[in-house]
Amino acid sequence: MTELLADFGAPATGSANVAMSAAPSMGLLKSTADQAVGNDWAVPCLDMTVDIVRGNQNTQITIADCQRMVWNGTRWLVAAGAEPAVPPAAPWPSTDAAYEAGYRDLEFRRPVVTTSN
């Protein structure tokens, strides 16, 4: 996002003239011969659509981001260390290219809340 703001000549802290929103729509788990998914770590990637509004100009792009994640016993956390070396493809969500790259549609579920009286 910082790079996108810089491309628009806006500071990294943002600008009243530039508005951005990102919506993740697809995801994948990276797994290669030298970077296989483990029992307590994974490298999930999100394929996102980003809407950028600058004045009366509206632009839509896609970006993909991968993060090394580690299981701490109760939840997944972003792990220390460098980001994955090979950035993933960022195809338009829900296209043949996205599915061929390994992305799958995300399913958003509301958390189940239980109460006891």
N, C-alpha and C. Protein backbone atom coordinates (compact mmCIF):
# COMPACT_ATOMS: atom_id res chain seq x y z
N MET A 1 0.83 -1.19 0.00
CA MET A 1 0.00 0.00 0.00
C MET A 1 0.87 1.26 0.00
N THR A 2 1.99 1.17 0.72
CA THR A 2 2.89 2.32 0.76
C THR A 2 3.38 2.67 -0.64
N GLU A 3 3.72 1.64 -1.42
CA GLU A 3 4.18 1.87 -2.79
C GLU A 3 3.08 2.47 -3.66
N LEU A 4 1.85 2.00 -3.48
CA LEU A 4 0.74 2.56 -4.26
C LEU A 4 0.53 4.03 -3.92
N LEU A 5 0.59 4.36 -2.64
CA LEU A 5 0.45 5.76 -2.24
C LEU A 5 1.56 6.60 -2.85
N ALA A 6 2.78 6.08 -2.83
CA ALA A 6 3.92 6.81 -3.40
C ALA A 6 3.70 7.04 -4.90
N ASP A 7 3.15 6.04 -5.60
CA ASP A 7 2.87 6.20 -7.03
C ASP A 7 1.90 7.35 -7.29
N PHE A 8 1.02 7.62 -6.32
CA PHE A 8 0.07 8.72 -6.45
C PHE A 8 0.61 10.02 -5.86
N GLY A 9 1.85 10.00 -5.40
CA GLY A 9 2.44 11.20 -4.82
C GLY A 9 1.90 11.51 -3.45
N ALA A 10 1.34 10.53 -2.77
CA ALA A 10 0.78 10.73 -1.43
C ALA A 10 1.76 10.18 -0.39
N PRO A 11 1.76 10.74 0.82
CA PRO A 11 2.64 10.22 1.86
C PRO A 11 2.19 8.83 2.33
N ALA A 12 3.10 8.10 2.95
CA ALA A 12 2.80 6.75 3.43
C ALA A 12 1.68 6.75 4.46
N THR A 13 1.45 7.87 5.11
CA THR A 13 0.39 7.97 6.11
C THR A 13 -0.98 8.20 5.48
N GLY A 14 -1.01 8.38 4.15
CA GLY A 14 -2.27 8.56 3.46
C GLY A 14 -2.51 10.00 3.08
N SER A 15 -3.62 10.23 2.40
CA SER A 15 -3.97 11.55 1.91
C SER A 15 -5.49 11.62 1.79
N ALA A 16 -6.04 12.80 2.04
CA ALA A 16 -7.47 12.99 1.88
C ALA A 16 -7.88 12.87 0.42
N ASN A 17 -6.90 12.97 -0.50
CA ASN A 17 -7.19 12.90 -1.92
C ASN A 17 -7.15 11.48 -2.48
N VAL A 18 -6.69 10.53 -1.68
CA VAL A 18 -6.56 9.15 -2.14
C VAL A 18 -7.27 8.22 -1.16
N ALA A 19 -8.14 7.36 -1.68
CA ALA A 19 -8.82 6.37 -0.85
C ALA A 19 -8.58 5.00 -1.46
N MET A 20 -8.25 4.03 -0.62
CA MET A 20 -8.04 2.66 -1.09
C MET A 20 -8.80 1.70 -0.22
N SER A 21 -9.30 0.64 -0.85
CA SER A 21 -9.90 -0.45 -0.09
C SER A 21 -9.51 -1.75 -0.77
N ALA A 22 -9.30 -2.78 0.02
CA ALA A 22 -8.90 -4.08 -0.50
C ALA A 22 -9.90 -5.12 -0.03
N ALA A 23 -10.25 -6.02 -0.93
CA ALA A 23 -11.19 -7.09 -0.61
C ALA A 23 -10.58 -8.43 -1.01
N PRO A 24 -10.15 -9.24 -0.03
CA PRO A 24 -9.63 -10.56 -0.38
C PRO A 24 -10.75 -11.44 -0.92
N SER A 25 -10.46 -12.18 -1.99
CA SER A 25 -11.51 -13.01 -2.56
C SER A 25 -11.07 -14.44 -2.82
N MET A 26 -9.75 -14.66 -2.95
CA MET A 26 -9.26 -16.01 -3.19
C MET A 26 -8.01 -16.23 -2.33
N GLY A 27 -7.70 -17.49 -2.09
CA GLY A 27 -6.52 -17.81 -1.31
C GLY A 27 -5.89 -19.11 -1.79
N LEU A 28 -4.62 -19.30 -1.40
CA LEU A 28 -3.94 -20.55 -1.67
C LEU A 28 -2.90 -20.78 -0.60
N LEU A 29 -2.51 -22.03 -0.43
CA LEU A 29 -1.40 -22.39 0.46
C LEU A 29 -0.24 -22.78 -0.43
N LYS A 30 0.87 -22.03 -0.29
CA LYS A 30 2.05 -22.34 -1.10
C LYS A 30 2.68 -23.62 -0.60
N SER A 31 3.07 -24.46 -1.52
CA SER A 31 3.76 -25.69 -1.19
C SER A 31 4.62 -26.08 -2.38
N THR A 32 5.93 -26.07 -2.19
CA THR A 32 6.85 -26.46 -3.24
C THR A 32 7.81 -27.48 -2.65
N ALA A 33 8.62 -28.07 -3.48
CA ALA A 33 9.56 -29.09 -3.02
C ALA A 33 10.48 -28.56 -1.92
N ASP A 34 10.89 -27.31 -2.03
CA ASP A 34 11.81 -26.76 -1.03
C ASP A 34 11.10 -25.95 0.05
N GLN A 35 9.79 -25.85 -0.02
CA GLN A 35 9.04 -25.05 0.95
C GLN A 35 7.68 -25.70 1.18
N ALA A 36 7.69 -26.92 1.68
CA ALA A 36 6.43 -27.64 1.90
C ALA A 36 5.74 -27.13 3.16
N VAL A 37 4.44 -27.21 3.17
CA VAL A 37 3.66 -26.79 4.34
C VAL A 37 3.93 -27.76 5.47
N GLY A 38 4.17 -27.25 6.67
CA GLY A 38 4.47 -28.09 7.82
C GLY A 38 3.27 -28.25 8.73
N ASN A 39 3.45 -28.96 9.83
CA ASN A 39 2.37 -29.16 10.79
C ASN A 39 2.09 -27.91 11.61
N ASP A 40 3.13 -27.08 11.83
CA ASP A 40 2.94 -25.91 12.67
C ASP A 40 3.27 -24.61 11.94
N TRP A 41 3.39 -24.67 10.63
CA TRP A 41 3.60 -23.45 9.85
C TRP A 41 3.05 -23.63 8.44
N ALA A 42 2.78 -22.51 7.79
CA ALA A 42 2.26 -22.52 6.43
C ALA A 42 2.56 -21.17 5.79
N VAL A 43 2.42 -21.10 4.48
CA VAL A 43 2.57 -19.85 3.75
C VAL A 43 1.28 -19.63 2.95
N PRO A 44 0.27 -19.02 3.59
CA PRO A 44 -0.96 -18.73 2.87
C PRO A 44 -0.83 -17.45 2.05
N CYS A 45 -1.53 -17.40 0.93
CA CYS A 45 -1.52 -16.23 0.04
C CYS A 45 -2.96 -15.78 -0.18
N LEU A 46 -3.15 -14.49 -0.28
CA LEU A 46 -4.45 -13.92 -0.61
C LEU A 46 -4.36 -13.21 -1.94
N ASP A 47 -5.38 -13.38 -2.78
CA ASP A 47 -5.52 -12.64 -4.02
C ASP A 47 -6.61 -11.61 -3.75
N MET A 48 -6.26 -10.34 -3.87
CA MET A 48 -7.17 -9.27 -3.48
C MET A 48 -7.44 -8.32 -4.63
N THR A 49 -8.64 -7.78 -4.63
CA THR A 49 -8.99 -6.70 -5.53
C THR A 49 -8.86 -5.41 -4.74
N VAL A 50 -8.14 -4.45 -5.29
CA VAL A 50 -7.92 -3.16 -4.62
C VAL A 50 -8.57 -2.06 -5.46
N ASP A 51 -9.44 -1.30 -4.81
CA ASP A 51 -10.06 -0.13 -5.44
C ASP A 51 -9.31 1.11 -4.96
N ILE A 52 -8.90 1.93 -5.91
CA ILE A 52 -8.17 3.15 -5.59
C ILE A 52 -8.94 4.32 -6.19
N VAL A 53 -9.25 5.29 -5.35
CA VAL A 53 -9.96 6.49 -5.80
C VAL A 53 -9.07 7.68 -5.51
N ARG A 54 -8.76 8.43 -6.56
CA ARG A 54 -7.97 9.65 -6.42
C ARG A 54 -8.72 10.75 -7.15
N GLY A 55 -9.31 11.65 -6.37
CA GLY A 55 -10.15 12.68 -6.98
C GLY A 55 -11.34 12.03 -7.66
N ASN A 56 -11.49 12.25 -8.96
CA ASN A 56 -12.60 11.62 -9.69
C ASN A 56 -12.13 10.42 -10.51
N GLN A 57 -10.90 9.97 -10.27
CA GLN A 57 -10.34 8.81 -10.98
C GLN A 57 -10.46 7.57 -10.12
N ASN A 58 -11.06 6.50 -10.68
CA ASN A 58 -11.22 5.24 -9.95
C ASN A 58 -10.47 4.16 -10.72
N THR A 59 -9.60 3.44 -10.02
CA THR A 59 -8.81 2.38 -10.63
C THR A 59 -8.99 1.11 -9.81
N GLN A 60 -9.06 -0.02 -10.48
CA GLN A 60 -9.15 -1.30 -9.78
C GLN A 60 -7.99 -2.18 -10.25
N ILE A 61 -7.27 -2.75 -9.29
CA ILE A 61 -6.16 -3.64 -9.59
C ILE A 61 -6.29 -4.88 -8.73
N THR A 62 -5.47 -5.89 -9.03
CA THR A 62 -5.38 -7.04 -8.14
C THR A 62 -3.97 -7.12 -7.60
N ILE A 63 -3.85 -7.57 -6.37
CA ILE A 63 -2.55 -7.83 -5.78
C ILE A 63 -2.64 -9.15 -5.03
N ALA A 64 -1.51 -9.77 -4.85
CA ALA A 64 -1.44 -11.00 -4.07
C ALA A 64 -0.38 -10.81 -2.99
N ASP A 65 -0.62 -11.36 -1.84
CA ASP A 65 0.33 -11.24 -0.74
C ASP A 65 0.41 -12.58 -0.01
N CYS A 66 1.63 -13.01 0.27
CA CYS A 66 1.87 -14.24 1.03
C CYS A 66 2.59 -13.88 2.32
N GLN A 67 2.28 -14.56 3.38
CA GLN A 67 2.95 -14.37 4.65
C GLN A 67 3.27 -15.72 5.27
N ARG A 68 4.45 -15.81 5.86
CA ARG A 68 4.80 -17.02 6.60
C ARG A 68 4.02 -16.97 7.91
N MET A 69 3.27 -18.04 8.19
CA MET A 69 2.44 -18.10 9.40
C MET A 69 2.90 -19.28 10.25
N VAL A 70 2.79 -19.12 11.56
CA VAL A 70 3.17 -20.19 12.49
C VAL A 70 2.01 -20.42 13.47
N TRP A 71 1.79 -21.67 13.82
CA TRP A 71 0.74 -22.05 14.78
C TRP A 71 1.34 -21.99 16.17
N ASN A 72 0.76 -21.18 17.06
CA ASN A 72 1.31 -21.06 18.41
C ASN A 72 0.60 -21.96 19.41
N GLY A 73 -0.22 -22.88 18.93
CA GLY A 73 -0.94 -23.78 19.81
C GLY A 73 -2.41 -23.44 19.94
N THR A 74 -2.75 -22.16 19.70
CA THR A 74 -4.15 -21.75 19.78
C THR A 74 -4.61 -20.96 18.56
N ARG A 75 -3.65 -20.34 17.85
CA ARG A 75 -4.02 -19.55 16.67
C ARG A 75 -2.83 -19.35 15.75
N TRP A 76 -3.11 -18.94 14.52
CA TRP A 76 -2.07 -18.67 13.54
C TRP A 76 -1.59 -17.23 13.70
N LEU A 77 -0.26 -17.05 13.66
CA LEU A 77 0.35 -15.74 13.76
C LEU A 77 1.33 -15.55 12.62
N VAL A 78 1.55 -14.29 12.20
CA VAL A 78 2.59 -14.02 11.21
C VAL A 78 3.92 -14.34 11.86
N ALA A 79 4.74 -15.16 11.19
CA ALA A 79 6.01 -15.62 11.74
C ALA A 79 7.13 -14.63 11.44
N ALA A 80 8.16 -14.69 12.25
CA ALA A 80 9.34 -13.87 12.04
C ALA A 80 10.08 -14.35 10.80
N GLY A 81 10.88 -13.49 10.25
CA GLY A 81 11.69 -13.87 9.09
C GLY A 81 11.24 -13.16 7.83
N ALA A 82 12.03 -13.36 6.80
CA ALA A 82 11.77 -12.70 5.53
C ALA A 82 10.49 -13.24 4.90
N GLU A 83 9.86 -12.39 4.09
CA GLU A 83 8.68 -12.84 3.35
C GLU A 83 9.12 -13.86 2.31
N PRO A 84 8.19 -14.68 1.85
CA PRO A 84 8.53 -15.66 0.82
C PRO A 84 9.22 -14.98 -0.37
N ALA A 85 10.27 -15.61 -0.88
CA ALA A 85 11.10 -15.01 -1.92
C ALA A 85 10.38 -14.84 -3.25
N VAL A 86 9.52 -15.76 -3.59
CA VAL A 86 8.86 -15.69 -4.89
C VAL A 86 7.45 -15.15 -4.70
N PRO A 87 7.18 -13.92 -5.17
CA PRO A 87 5.82 -13.41 -5.03
C PRO A 87 4.86 -14.23 -5.89
N PRO A 88 3.65 -14.42 -5.42
CA PRO A 88 2.69 -15.21 -6.19
C PRO A 88 2.13 -14.41 -7.36
N ALA A 89 1.55 -15.11 -8.28
CA ALA A 89 0.82 -14.45 -9.36
C ALA A 89 -0.38 -13.74 -8.74
N ALA A 90 -0.81 -12.67 -9.38
CA ALA A 90 -1.99 -11.93 -8.90
C ALA A 90 -3.02 -11.86 -10.01
N PRO A 91 -3.61 -13.01 -10.36
CA PRO A 91 -4.61 -13.01 -11.42
C PRO A 91 -5.91 -12.38 -10.94
N TRP A 92 -6.73 -11.96 -11.88
CA TRP A 92 -8.05 -11.46 -11.49
C TRP A 92 -8.80 -12.59 -10.80
N PRO A 93 -9.41 -12.31 -9.66
CA PRO A 93 -10.15 -13.35 -8.93
C PRO A 93 -11.23 -14.00 -9.78
N SER A 94 -11.44 -15.27 -9.53
CA SER A 94 -12.49 -16.08 -10.15
C SER A 94 -12.33 -16.25 -11.65
N THR A 95 -11.09 -16.13 -12.15
CA THR A 95 -10.84 -16.38 -13.57
C THR A 95 -10.16 -17.74 -13.70
N ASP A 96 -10.12 -18.25 -14.92
CA ASP A 96 -9.42 -19.51 -15.16
C ASP A 96 -7.97 -19.41 -14.71
N ALA A 97 -7.33 -18.26 -14.97
CA ALA A 97 -5.93 -18.07 -14.58
C ALA A 97 -5.76 -18.18 -13.07
N ALA A 98 -6.70 -17.68 -12.31
CA ALA A 98 -6.62 -17.75 -10.85
C ALA A 98 -6.71 -19.20 -10.38
N TYR A 99 -7.66 -19.95 -10.92
CA TYR A 99 -7.80 -21.35 -10.52
C TYR A 99 -6.59 -22.17 -10.98
N GLU A 100 -6.07 -21.89 -12.17
CA GLU A 100 -4.88 -22.60 -12.66
C GLU A 100 -3.65 -22.31 -11.81
N ALA A 101 -3.57 -21.10 -11.22
CA ALA A 101 -2.44 -20.75 -10.34
C ALA A 101 -2.57 -21.42 -8.98
N GLY A 102 -3.72 -22.03 -8.70
CA GLY A 102 -3.91 -22.72 -7.43
C GLY A 102 -4.81 -22.01 -6.44
N TYR A 103 -5.28 -20.83 -6.78
CA TYR A 103 -6.17 -20.10 -5.88
C TYR A 103 -7.53 -20.77 -5.82
N ARG A 104 -8.18 -20.64 -4.67
CA ARG A 104 -9.53 -21.13 -4.48
C ARG A 104 -10.35 -20.03 -3.83
N ASP A 105 -11.66 -20.05 -4.07
CA ASP A 105 -12.55 -19.04 -3.50
C ASP A 105 -12.51 -19.13 -1.97
N LEU A 106 -12.51 -17.97 -1.34
CA LEU A 106 -12.58 -17.93 0.12
C LEU A 106 -14.03 -18.03 0.56
N GLU A 107 -14.23 -18.68 1.67
CA GLU A 107 -15.56 -18.80 2.24
C GLU A 107 -15.53 -18.12 3.59
N PHE A 108 -16.29 -17.06 3.73
CA PHE A 108 -16.32 -16.33 4.98
C PHE A 108 -17.46 -16.87 5.85
N ARG A 109 -17.10 -17.24 7.04
CA ARG A 109 -18.10 -17.78 7.97
C ARG A 109 -18.18 -16.90 9.19
N ARG A 110 -19.37 -16.73 9.65
CA ARG A 110 -19.56 -15.99 10.91
C ARG A 110 -19.16 -16.92 12.06
N PRO A 111 -18.47 -16.37 13.05
CA PRO A 111 -18.11 -17.22 14.19
C PRO A 111 -19.34 -17.69 14.93
N VAL A 112 -19.28 -18.90 15.44
CA VAL A 112 -20.37 -19.46 16.23
C VAL A 112 -20.19 -18.96 17.66
N VAL A 113 -21.20 -18.32 18.18
CA VAL A 113 -21.15 -17.79 19.54
C VAL A 113 -22.11 -18.59 20.39
N THR A 114 -21.56 -19.15 21.45
CA THR A 114 -22.42 -19.89 22.39
C THR A 114 -22.44 -19.16 23.71
N THR A 115 -23.57 -19.20 24.34
CA THR A 115 -23.70 -18.60 25.66
C THR A 115 -24.26 -19.63 26.61
N SER A 116 -23.92 -19.49 27.85
CA SER A 116 -24.49 -20.38 28.86
C SER A 116 -25.20 -19.52 29.89
N ASN A 117 -26.30 -20.01 30.34
CA ASN A 117 -27.11 -19.27 31.33
C ASN A 117 -26.85 -19.78 32.71
